[in-house]
Amino acid sequence: MLERCFVRPETLSQIHSSWMGQSIEQYAAWLCDREYREGTLATRVSLLMRFGTFAQTHGARRYEDLPAHVEPFLAFWFQCRHPRRTSAPLRPPVTRHARVAIEQMLRVVVPGFVGRPRRHAIREPFADRAPGFSIYLRHERGLRDATLGLYDEHLRAFAAYLTDRGLEQLQTLSPAAVTGFLTERSDGLKRSTLHARCAVLRVFLRYLHRERLVARDLSALVEAAPAYRLAHLPRSITADEVQLMLDRIDRRTVLGRRDYAMLLLLITYGLRAREVAALTLDDLDWRHDRLRIPARKAGHSTRYPLSPRVGAAILEYLQAGRPTTPLRRVFFHITAPCAPMTQEAVSHRAAHYLRKASIAVPRAGSHTLRHSCVQRLVEAGWSLKAIGDYVGHASPASTEIYTKVAVETLREVAFGPGEEVL
């Protein structure tokens, strides 16, 4: 496998003769099986050679000795690349790629090695003390994975607070601990985030009392944080700004063809990022020019006429961009391992092109394009019921926010005498 990246015989001989040569070649084969690019493979092999030399110099003789040298090497690597920087907070971004390569290699060659867990992989912070809570959320309340992730995020903060206060046992949970958490760990949170945190905590405390894990129902102590549904304007952009954003996409590249198709889906149909990421080849009915969006947030599926522009963009990506894979998802990452796109990745790409086009919005992301689609339907005179059905709103109340922005009416008032509004 190494011959694909290194053509000089002395370089290959140096790698093979290294005490870690066998493990590096095993790791290189692992990368090739997952279709990593040759440039990535060459960069990681060079890094691992440096790591092997460092570990051997500091006493490593077996592969099992290597995990103990990861952190010292990362500190050494940081100093080599940035000799004038000493700030610890700057180290993680600089050394992240080095850590990924080393820990991947150790997982391949050292049995039982796990490495540092990624934050989003730490699920169910109270799994040992309230083991049935996740099952309750998923099966009794019917929550999706994205919502479960939101619960995990807020409950991680609650668990950390209890640990800092030495309150490991839920039986010792008191009103002071609950109110103290909301007071001390909610500083700087946005109103909507605080509202969600209170809602999550109420559900969790109610569950604890239902399961007799605490003697008292403490959920009544968590007052709902005020959140005003119609307090903010939709973060939509104009049709000219949409076109400006699309013009910034380089459709000559695989990345550009994929992103152009995804953004057209967001703009044309007002889809959510999750719905674009979950799109499969089976959802595209080319014979009847139909697009199917199953399992929407409202609990139903929607069939759309497949727009010629959208269909052409998707077909262009499928023919010259989508990797060869047995998986049925439509959109994939372009870098190895070529995994299906996630909803976070779809939203990130939308935000990238909004910023690239210098379009100022409060929170750049895929929902900006969804809002823009709905706003155009409002201005076209569609009824709220029809708009809600089109974009998959669970309730007509979700569409009401767009009635606040009567752009054409406001324009008439601005250019007219204004007497008709008196």
Protein backbone atom coordinates (compact mmCIF):
# COMPACT_ATOMS: atom_id res chain seq x y z
CA MET A 1 0.00 0.00 0.00
CA LEU A 2 2.85 2.38 0.80
CA GLU A 3 4.12 2.16 -2.79
CA ARG A 4 1.11 4.26 -3.84
CA CYS A 5 2.45 7.25 -1.88
CA PHE A 6 6.24 6.85 -1.76
CA VAL A 7 8.21 6.14 -4.92
CA ARG A 8 11.75 6.54 -3.59
CA PRO A 9 13.19 3.14 -2.51
CA GLU A 10 15.09 4.69 0.40
CA THR A 11 11.88 6.13 1.85
CA LEU A 12 10.12 2.77 1.66
CA SER A 13 13.17 1.04 3.14
CA GLN A 14 13.21 3.53 6.02
CA ILE A 15 9.55 2.84 6.82
CA HIS A 16 9.88 -0.96 6.58
CA SER A 17 13.00 -1.00 8.75
CA SER A 18 11.37 1.12 11.45
CA TRP A 19 10.37 -0.70 14.65
CA MET A 20 6.80 0.43 13.90
CA GLY A 21 6.99 -0.44 10.20
CA GLN A 22 4.60 -3.38 10.42
CA SER A 23 1.96 -1.39 12.31
CA ILE A 24 2.27 1.56 9.96
CA GLU A 25 1.82 -0.69 6.93
CA GLN A 26 -1.20 -2.32 8.60
CA TYR A 27 -2.68 1.10 9.27
CA ALA A 28 -1.98 2.21 5.68
CA ALA A 29 -3.90 -0.82 4.40
CA TRP A 30 -6.77 0.11 6.75
CA LEU A 31 -6.84 3.62 5.26
CA CYS A 32 -6.77 2.30 1.69
CA ASP A 33 -9.69 -0.03 2.39
CA ARG A 34 -11.69 3.06 3.42
CA GLU A 35 -10.67 4.98 0.29
CA TYR A 36 -8.59 7.67 1.97
CA ARG A 37 -6.72 9.84 -0.50
CA GLU A 38 -3.05 9.20 -1.18
CA GLY A 39 -2.09 12.64 0.10
CA THR A 40 -3.79 11.95 3.44
CA LEU A 41 -2.12 8.57 3.68
CA ALA A 42 1.34 10.03 3.00
CA THR A 43 0.86 12.80 5.57
CA ARG A 44 -0.26 10.39 8.27
CA VAL A 45 2.54 7.90 7.61
CA SER A 46 5.12 10.69 7.96
CA LEU A 47 3.51 11.80 11.23
CA LEU A 48 3.48 8.24 12.59
CA MET A 49 7.17 7.83 11.77
CA ARG A 50 7.85 10.90 13.90
CA PHE A 51 5.65 9.51 16.67
CA GLY A 52 7.44 6.15 16.56
CA THR A 53 10.87 7.78 16.83
CA PHE A 54 9.69 9.96 19.72
CA ALA A 55 8.15 7.03 21.62
CA GLN A 56 11.23 4.82 21.11
CA THR A 57 13.53 7.60 22.32
CA HIS A 58 11.40 7.88 25.47
CA GLY A 59 11.48 4.18 26.28
CA ALA A 60 8.74 2.50 24.20
CA ARG A 61 9.68 -1.01 23.12
CA ARG A 62 6.28 -2.63 22.43
CA TYR A 63 3.10 -1.46 20.76
CA GLU A 64 1.35 -1.70 24.13
CA ASP A 65 3.72 1.03 25.41
CA LEU A 66 2.62 3.55 22.77
CA PRO A 67 -0.61 4.91 24.37
CA ALA A 68 1.40 6.37 27.27
CA HIS A 69 3.40 8.50 24.84
CA VAL A 70 0.47 10.07 22.94
CA GLU A 71 0.03 13.16 25.15
CA PRO A 72 3.79 13.90 25.49
CA PHE A 73 4.20 13.61 21.73
CA LEU A 74 1.29 15.98 21.06
CA ALA A 75 2.88 18.56 23.35
CA PHE A 76 6.20 18.05 21.51
CA TRP A 77 4.46 18.27 18.13
CA PHE A 78 2.77 21.53 19.11
CA GLN A 79 6.08 23.07 20.16
CA CYS A 80 7.74 21.97 16.91
CA ARG A 81 5.07 23.63 14.78
CA HIS A 82 4.53 26.71 16.95
CA PRO A 83 7.68 27.30 19.00
CA ARG A 84 6.58 30.77 20.11
CA ARG A 85 3.19 29.69 21.41
CA THR A 86 2.79 28.31 24.89
CA SER A 87 -0.94 28.80 25.52
CA ALA A 88 -2.60 25.49 26.41
CA PRO A 89 -6.05 26.44 25.00
CA LEU A 90 -4.46 26.73 21.54
CA ARG A 91 -3.16 23.17 21.57
CA PRO A 92 -6.32 21.14 20.83
CA PRO A 93 -7.10 22.73 17.40
CA VAL A 94 -3.44 22.51 16.35
CA THR A 95 -2.93 18.91 17.45
CA ARG A 96 -6.39 17.54 16.58
CA HIS A 97 -5.36 15.96 13.26
CA ALA A 98 -2.24 14.44 14.81
CA ARG A 99 -4.31 12.91 17.61
CA VAL A 100 -6.83 11.46 15.12
CA ALA A 101 -4.09 9.76 13.08
CA ILE A 102 -2.23 8.33 16.09
CA GLU A 103 -5.33 7.08 17.88
CA GLN A 104 -6.71 5.54 14.69
CA MET A 105 -3.47 3.65 14.20
CA LEU A 106 -3.46 2.49 17.84
CA ARG A 107 -7.04 1.20 17.54
CA VAL A 108 -5.92 -0.89 14.57
CA VAL A 109 -2.75 -2.38 16.12
CA VAL A 110 -3.29 -2.29 19.91
CA PRO A 111 -6.13 -4.61 21.09
CA GLY A 112 -8.55 -2.86 23.42
CA PHE A 113 -7.28 0.67 22.82
CA VAL A 114 -10.08 3.25 22.86
CA GLY A 115 -8.45 6.67 23.12
CA ARG A 116 -10.08 9.92 24.06
CA PRO A 117 -13.85 9.75 23.47
CA ARG A 118 -15.35 12.44 21.31
CA ARG A 119 -17.81 14.69 23.12
CA HIS A 120 -20.82 13.84 20.98
CA ALA A 121 -20.12 10.12 21.48
CA ILE A 122 -20.72 10.41 25.24
CA ARG A 123 -24.37 9.42 25.43
CA GLU A 124 -26.80 9.07 28.32
CA PRO A 125 -24.95 10.88 31.13
CA PHE A 126 -27.26 9.28 33.76
CA ALA A 127 -27.24 5.80 32.20
CA ASP A 128 -25.87 4.19 35.36
CA ARG A 129 -28.28 5.95 37.74
CA ALA A 130 -31.42 6.20 35.58
CA PRO A 131 -30.87 3.39 33.04
CA GLY A 132 -34.36 3.40 31.52
CA PHE A 133 -34.57 7.11 30.74
CA SER A 134 -33.34 6.82 27.16
CA ILE A 135 -35.80 4.00 26.44
CA TYR A 136 -38.57 6.11 27.96
CA LEU A 137 -37.70 9.06 25.69
CA ARG A 138 -37.39 6.97 22.56
CA HIS A 139 -40.35 4.59 22.92
CA GLU A 140 -42.85 6.30 25.19
CA ARG A 141 -42.32 9.88 24.07
CA GLY A 142 -41.28 8.98 20.51
CA LEU A 143 -38.30 11.35 20.34
CA ARG A 144 -35.86 11.31 17.43
CA ASP A 145 -32.09 10.89 17.69
CA ALA A 146 -31.50 14.63 17.19
CA THR A 147 -33.79 15.43 20.12
CA LEU A 148 -32.13 12.76 22.24
CA GLY A 149 -28.83 14.47 21.52
CA LEU A 150 -30.31 17.71 22.84
CA TYR A 151 -31.35 15.93 26.03
CA ASP A 152 -27.85 14.51 26.39
CA GLU A 153 -26.29 17.94 26.02
CA HIS A 154 -28.36 19.53 28.80
CA LEU A 155 -28.17 16.51 31.10
CA ARG A 156 -24.37 16.39 30.69
CA ALA A 157 -24.28 19.90 32.12
CA PHE A 158 -26.56 18.82 35.00
CA ALA A 159 -24.45 15.73 35.71
CA ALA A 160 -21.25 17.82 35.72
CA TYR A 161 -22.83 20.26 38.17
CA LEU A 162 -23.87 17.45 40.53
CA THR A 163 -20.39 15.91 40.33
CA ASP A 164 -18.76 19.24 41.18
CA ARG A 165 -21.03 19.47 44.25
CA GLY A 166 -20.36 15.89 45.33
CA LEU A 167 -23.97 14.83 44.70
CA GLU A 168 -23.37 11.60 42.83
CA GLN A 169 -26.42 9.79 44.23
CA LEU A 170 -29.78 10.84 42.82
CA GLN A 171 -31.42 10.05 46.18
CA THR A 172 -29.63 13.09 47.60
CA LEU A 173 -31.09 15.40 44.96
CA SER A 174 -32.61 18.46 46.64
CA PRO A 175 -34.48 21.63 45.60
CA ALA A 176 -31.29 23.60 46.29
CA ALA A 177 -29.34 21.48 43.80
CA VAL A 178 -31.95 21.92 41.06
CA THR A 179 -32.33 25.68 41.49
CA GLY A 180 -28.58 26.07 41.96
CA PHE A 181 -27.91 24.36 38.63
CA LEU A 182 -30.33 26.62 36.76
CA THR A 183 -28.90 29.71 38.46
CA GLU A 184 -25.20 28.95 38.12
CA ARG A 185 -25.03 27.04 34.83
CA SER A 186 -27.45 29.08 32.73
CA ASP A 187 -25.47 32.31 32.56
CA GLY A 188 -25.08 33.53 29.00
CA LEU A 189 -27.56 31.08 27.49
CA LYS A 190 -29.96 32.39 24.89
CA ARG A 191 -33.61 32.58 25.82
CA SER A 192 -34.50 29.65 23.56
CA THR A 193 -31.65 27.51 24.95
CA LEU A 194 -32.66 28.26 28.52
CA HIS A 195 -36.26 27.38 27.65
CA ALA A 196 -35.09 24.02 26.26
CA ARG A 197 -32.88 23.35 29.29
CA CYS A 198 -35.80 23.90 31.68
CA ALA A 199 -38.04 21.62 29.60
CA VAL A 200 -35.42 18.82 29.54
CA LEU A 201 -34.84 19.10 33.28
CA ARG A 202 -38.57 18.96 34.04
CA VAL A 203 -39.00 15.78 31.99
CA PHE A 204 -35.98 14.18 33.67
CA LEU A 205 -37.10 15.06 37.21
CA ARG A 206 -40.63 13.83 36.49
CA TYR A 207 -39.23 10.53 35.27
CA LEU A 208 -37.05 10.13 38.37
CA HIS A 209 -40.08 10.55 40.63
CA ARG A 210 -42.20 8.20 38.51
CA GLU A 211 -39.57 5.48 38.80
CA ARG A 212 -39.19 6.06 42.58
CA LEU A 213 -35.56 7.10 42.12
CA VAL A 214 -36.23 10.27 44.12
CA ALA A 215 -38.75 10.66 46.90
CA ARG A 216 -40.18 13.99 45.76
CA ASP A 217 -41.27 15.35 42.41
CA LEU A 218 -38.89 18.26 41.94
CA SER A 219 -40.11 19.19 38.45
CA ALA A 220 -42.46 21.81 39.90
CA LEU A 221 -39.40 23.81 40.95
CA VAL A 222 -38.35 24.29 37.32
CA GLU A 223 -40.38 27.17 36.00
CA ALA A 224 -40.70 27.52 32.25
CA ALA A 225 -38.31 30.15 30.97
CA PRO A 226 -40.26 32.75 28.96
CA ALA A 227 -39.89 32.27 25.22
CA TYR A 228 -42.01 34.31 22.83
CA ARG A 229 -42.71 32.45 19.63
CA LEU A 230 -43.40 35.55 17.53
CA ALA A 231 -40.65 37.69 19.06
CA HIS A 232 -38.21 37.35 16.13
CA LEU A 233 -38.44 37.81 12.40
CA PRO A 234 -37.78 34.81 10.13
CA ARG A 235 -34.19 34.84 8.91
CA SER A 236 -35.06 34.68 5.21
CA ILE A 237 -33.17 36.18 2.30
CA THR A 238 -34.39 37.62 -1.00
CA ALA A 239 -34.53 35.80 -4.34
CA ASP A 240 -31.60 37.91 -5.60
CA GLU A 241 -29.53 36.89 -2.59
CA VAL A 242 -30.42 33.24 -3.19
CA GLN A 243 -29.15 33.50 -6.76
CA LEU A 244 -26.02 35.31 -5.56
CA MET A 245 -25.32 32.43 -3.17
CA LEU A 246 -25.86 29.79 -5.88
CA ASP A 247 -23.51 31.68 -8.20
CA ARG A 248 -20.73 31.26 -5.65
CA ILE A 249 -20.77 27.47 -6.07
CA ASP A 250 -18.09 26.06 -8.36
CA ARG A 251 -20.04 23.34 -10.15
CA ARG A 252 -16.94 22.15 -12.01
CA THR A 253 -15.88 20.27 -8.87
CA VAL A 254 -17.43 17.25 -7.17
CA LEU A 255 -17.93 19.33 -4.03
CA GLY A 256 -19.69 22.04 -5.98
CA ARG A 257 -22.02 19.64 -7.82
CA ARG A 258 -23.03 18.00 -4.55
CA ASP A 259 -23.56 21.30 -2.71
CA TYR A 260 -25.50 22.84 -5.60
CA ALA A 261 -27.97 19.94 -5.58
CA MET A 262 -28.38 20.06 -1.79
CA LEU A 263 -28.95 23.82 -1.71
CA LEU A 264 -31.51 23.65 -4.52
CA LEU A 265 -33.46 21.08 -2.50
CA LEU A 266 -33.40 23.37 0.54
CA ILE A 267 -34.49 26.41 -1.45
CA THR A 268 -37.06 24.85 -3.79
CA TYR A 269 -38.93 22.63 -1.35
CA GLY A 270 -38.07 24.23 2.00
CA LEU A 271 -36.65 20.94 3.26
CA ARG A 272 -34.93 20.55 6.61
CA ALA A 273 -31.25 19.63 6.67
CA ARG A 274 -32.18 16.26 8.19
CA GLU A 275 -34.52 15.51 5.28
CA VAL A 276 -31.86 16.34 2.68
CA ALA A 277 -29.25 14.21 4.48
CA ALA A 278 -31.68 11.26 4.72
CA LEU A 279 -32.63 11.34 1.02
CA THR A 280 -32.09 7.96 -0.69
CA LEU A 281 -32.03 6.82 -4.31
CA ASP A 282 -35.38 5.13 -3.69
CA ASP A 283 -36.95 8.53 -2.97
CA LEU A 284 -36.24 9.70 -6.53
CA ASP A 285 -38.90 8.54 -8.98
CA TRP A 286 -37.33 9.48 -12.33
CA ARG A 287 -40.05 7.79 -14.39
CA HIS A 288 -42.82 9.97 -12.93
CA ASP A 289 -40.66 12.98 -12.00
CA ARG A 290 -41.50 12.72 -8.33
CA LEU A 291 -39.53 13.37 -5.15
CA ARG A 292 -40.57 11.62 -1.92
CA ILE A 293 -39.70 12.92 1.54
CA PRO A 294 -40.61 10.20 4.10
CA ALA A 295 -40.83 10.40 7.89
CA ARG A 296 -41.16 14.15 8.20
CA LYS A 297 -41.25 15.97 11.52
CA ALA A 298 -45.05 16.10 11.36
CA GLY A 299 -45.16 12.29 11.13
CA HIS A 300 -46.16 12.02 7.47
CA SER A 301 -44.46 11.79 4.07
CA THR A 302 -44.68 14.26 1.20
CA ARG A 303 -44.41 13.78 -2.56
CA TYR A 304 -43.31 16.70 -4.71
CA PRO A 305 -43.12 17.15 -8.47
CA LEU A 306 -39.42 16.91 -9.27
CA SER A 307 -38.37 20.31 -10.58
CA PRO A 308 -36.37 20.06 -13.84
CA ARG A 309 -33.66 22.29 -12.36
CA VAL A 310 -33.41 20.25 -9.18
CA GLY A 311 -33.57 16.95 -11.08
CA ALA A 312 -30.79 18.05 -13.45
CA ALA A 313 -28.58 19.10 -10.51
CA ILE A 314 -29.07 15.79 -8.69
CA LEU A 315 -28.47 13.78 -11.88
CA GLU A 316 -25.27 15.73 -12.58
CA TYR A 317 -23.99 14.87 -9.10
CA LEU A 318 -25.01 11.20 -9.37
CA GLN A 319 -23.26 10.81 -12.71
CA ALA A 320 -20.08 12.74 -11.85
CA GLY A 321 -19.57 13.04 -8.14
CA ARG A 322 -21.31 10.46 -5.98
CA PRO A 323 -18.88 7.74 -4.84
CA THR A 324 -19.41 4.13 -5.86
CA THR A 325 -21.01 2.54 -2.82
CA PRO A 326 -23.70 -0.06 -2.02
CA LEU A 327 -25.37 2.43 0.33
CA ARG A 328 -28.59 4.03 -0.93
CA ARG A 329 -28.11 7.52 0.46
CA VAL A 330 -27.84 10.24 -2.19
CA PHE A 331 -25.33 12.65 -0.66
CA PHE A 332 -21.89 11.66 0.66
CA HIS A 333 -18.84 13.39 2.03
CA ILE A 334 -16.17 13.78 -0.62
CA THR A 335 -13.25 12.93 1.68
CA ALA A 336 -12.55 9.47 3.02
CA PRO A 337 -14.10 7.66 4.64
CA CYS A 338 -16.94 8.49 2.23
CA ALA A 339 -19.77 8.40 4.76
CA PRO A 340 -23.29 9.74 4.13
CA MET A 341 -23.84 13.41 4.84
CA THR A 342 -25.28 14.32 8.22
CA GLN A 343 -27.79 17.07 8.90
CA GLU A 344 -25.03 19.09 10.59
CA ALA A 345 -22.88 18.83 7.46
CA VAL A 346 -25.75 19.95 5.21
CA SER A 347 -26.41 22.98 7.42
CA HIS A 348 -22.69 23.77 7.53
CA ARG A 349 -22.47 23.83 3.73
CA ALA A 350 -25.44 26.22 3.51
CA ALA A 351 -23.80 28.50 6.07
CA HIS A 352 -20.52 28.34 4.12
CA TYR A 353 -22.07 29.67 0.91
CA LEU A 354 -24.11 32.32 2.71
CA ARG A 355 -20.91 33.70 4.19
CA LYS A 356 -19.07 33.30 0.90
CA ALA A 357 -21.71 35.47 -0.78
CA SER A 358 -21.42 38.02 2.10
CA ILE A 359 -25.12 37.65 2.95
CA ALA A 360 -25.71 38.82 6.50
CA VAL A 361 -28.21 36.73 8.48
CA PRO A 362 -28.52 36.31 12.27
CA ARG A 363 -27.75 32.57 12.16
CA ALA A 364 -26.45 31.27 8.87
CA GLY A 365 -27.53 27.73 8.07
CA SER A 366 -29.96 25.51 6.19
CA HIS A 367 -33.00 26.96 7.97
CA THR A 368 -32.26 30.33 6.37
CA LEU A 369 -33.06 28.76 2.99
CA ARG A 370 -36.13 27.00 4.40
CA HIS A 371 -37.39 30.33 5.74
CA SER A 372 -36.73 31.93 2.36
CA CYS A 373 -38.83 29.29 0.61
CA VAL A 374 -41.75 29.80 2.99
CA GLN A 375 -41.50 33.58 2.74
CA ARG A 376 -41.80 33.44 -1.05
CA LEU A 377 -44.90 31.26 -0.75
CA VAL A 378 -46.44 33.78 1.67
CA GLU A 379 -45.73 36.62 -0.74
CA ALA A 380 -47.23 34.56 -3.59
CA GLY A 381 -50.54 34.44 -1.72
CA TRP A 382 -50.54 30.80 -0.58
CA SER A 383 -52.76 29.97 2.37
CA LEU A 384 -51.10 29.05 5.67
CA LYS A 385 -52.57 25.54 5.45
CA ALA A 386 -51.11 24.99 1.97
CA ILE A 387 -47.71 26.34 3.04
CA GLY A 388 -47.67 24.15 6.15
CA ASP A 389 -48.46 21.06 4.07
CA TYR A 390 -45.81 21.98 1.50
CA VAL A 391 -42.93 22.38 3.95
CA GLY A 392 -44.11 19.76 6.46
CA HIS A 393 -45.12 21.90 9.42
CA ALA A 394 -46.66 19.89 12.24
CA SER A 395 -49.03 22.72 13.18
CA PRO A 396 -50.46 25.80 11.41
CA ALA A 397 -49.07 27.83 14.29
CA SER A 398 -45.58 27.11 12.95
CA THR A 399 -46.43 29.01 9.77
CA GLU A 400 -47.96 32.04 11.48
CA ILE A 401 -44.60 33.69 12.12
CA TYR A 402 -44.22 34.39 8.40
CA THR A 403 -47.37 36.53 8.33
CA LYS A 404 -45.51 39.17 10.33
CA VAL A 405 -43.41 40.06 7.32
CA ALA A 406 -45.80 41.49 4.73
CA VAL A 407 -43.04 42.79 2.51
CA GLU A 408 -45.15 44.03 -0.38
CA THR A 409 -47.62 45.80 1.92
CA LEU A 410 -44.83 47.51 3.79
CA ARG A 411 -43.28 48.56 0.50
CA GLU A 412 -46.55 50.17 -0.60
CA VAL A 413 -46.77 52.07 2.69
CA ALA A 414 -43.17 53.23 2.36
CA PHE A 415 -43.62 54.60 -1.16
CA GLY A 416 -47.20 55.86 -0.75
CA PRO A 417 -48.65 58.74 1.29
CA GLY A 418 -49.41 56.35 4.14
CA GLU A 419 -52.81 57.90 4.85
CA GLU A 420 -54.66 54.59 4.37
CA VAL A 421 -53.03 53.17 7.50
CA LEU A 422 -54.24 56.00 9.73
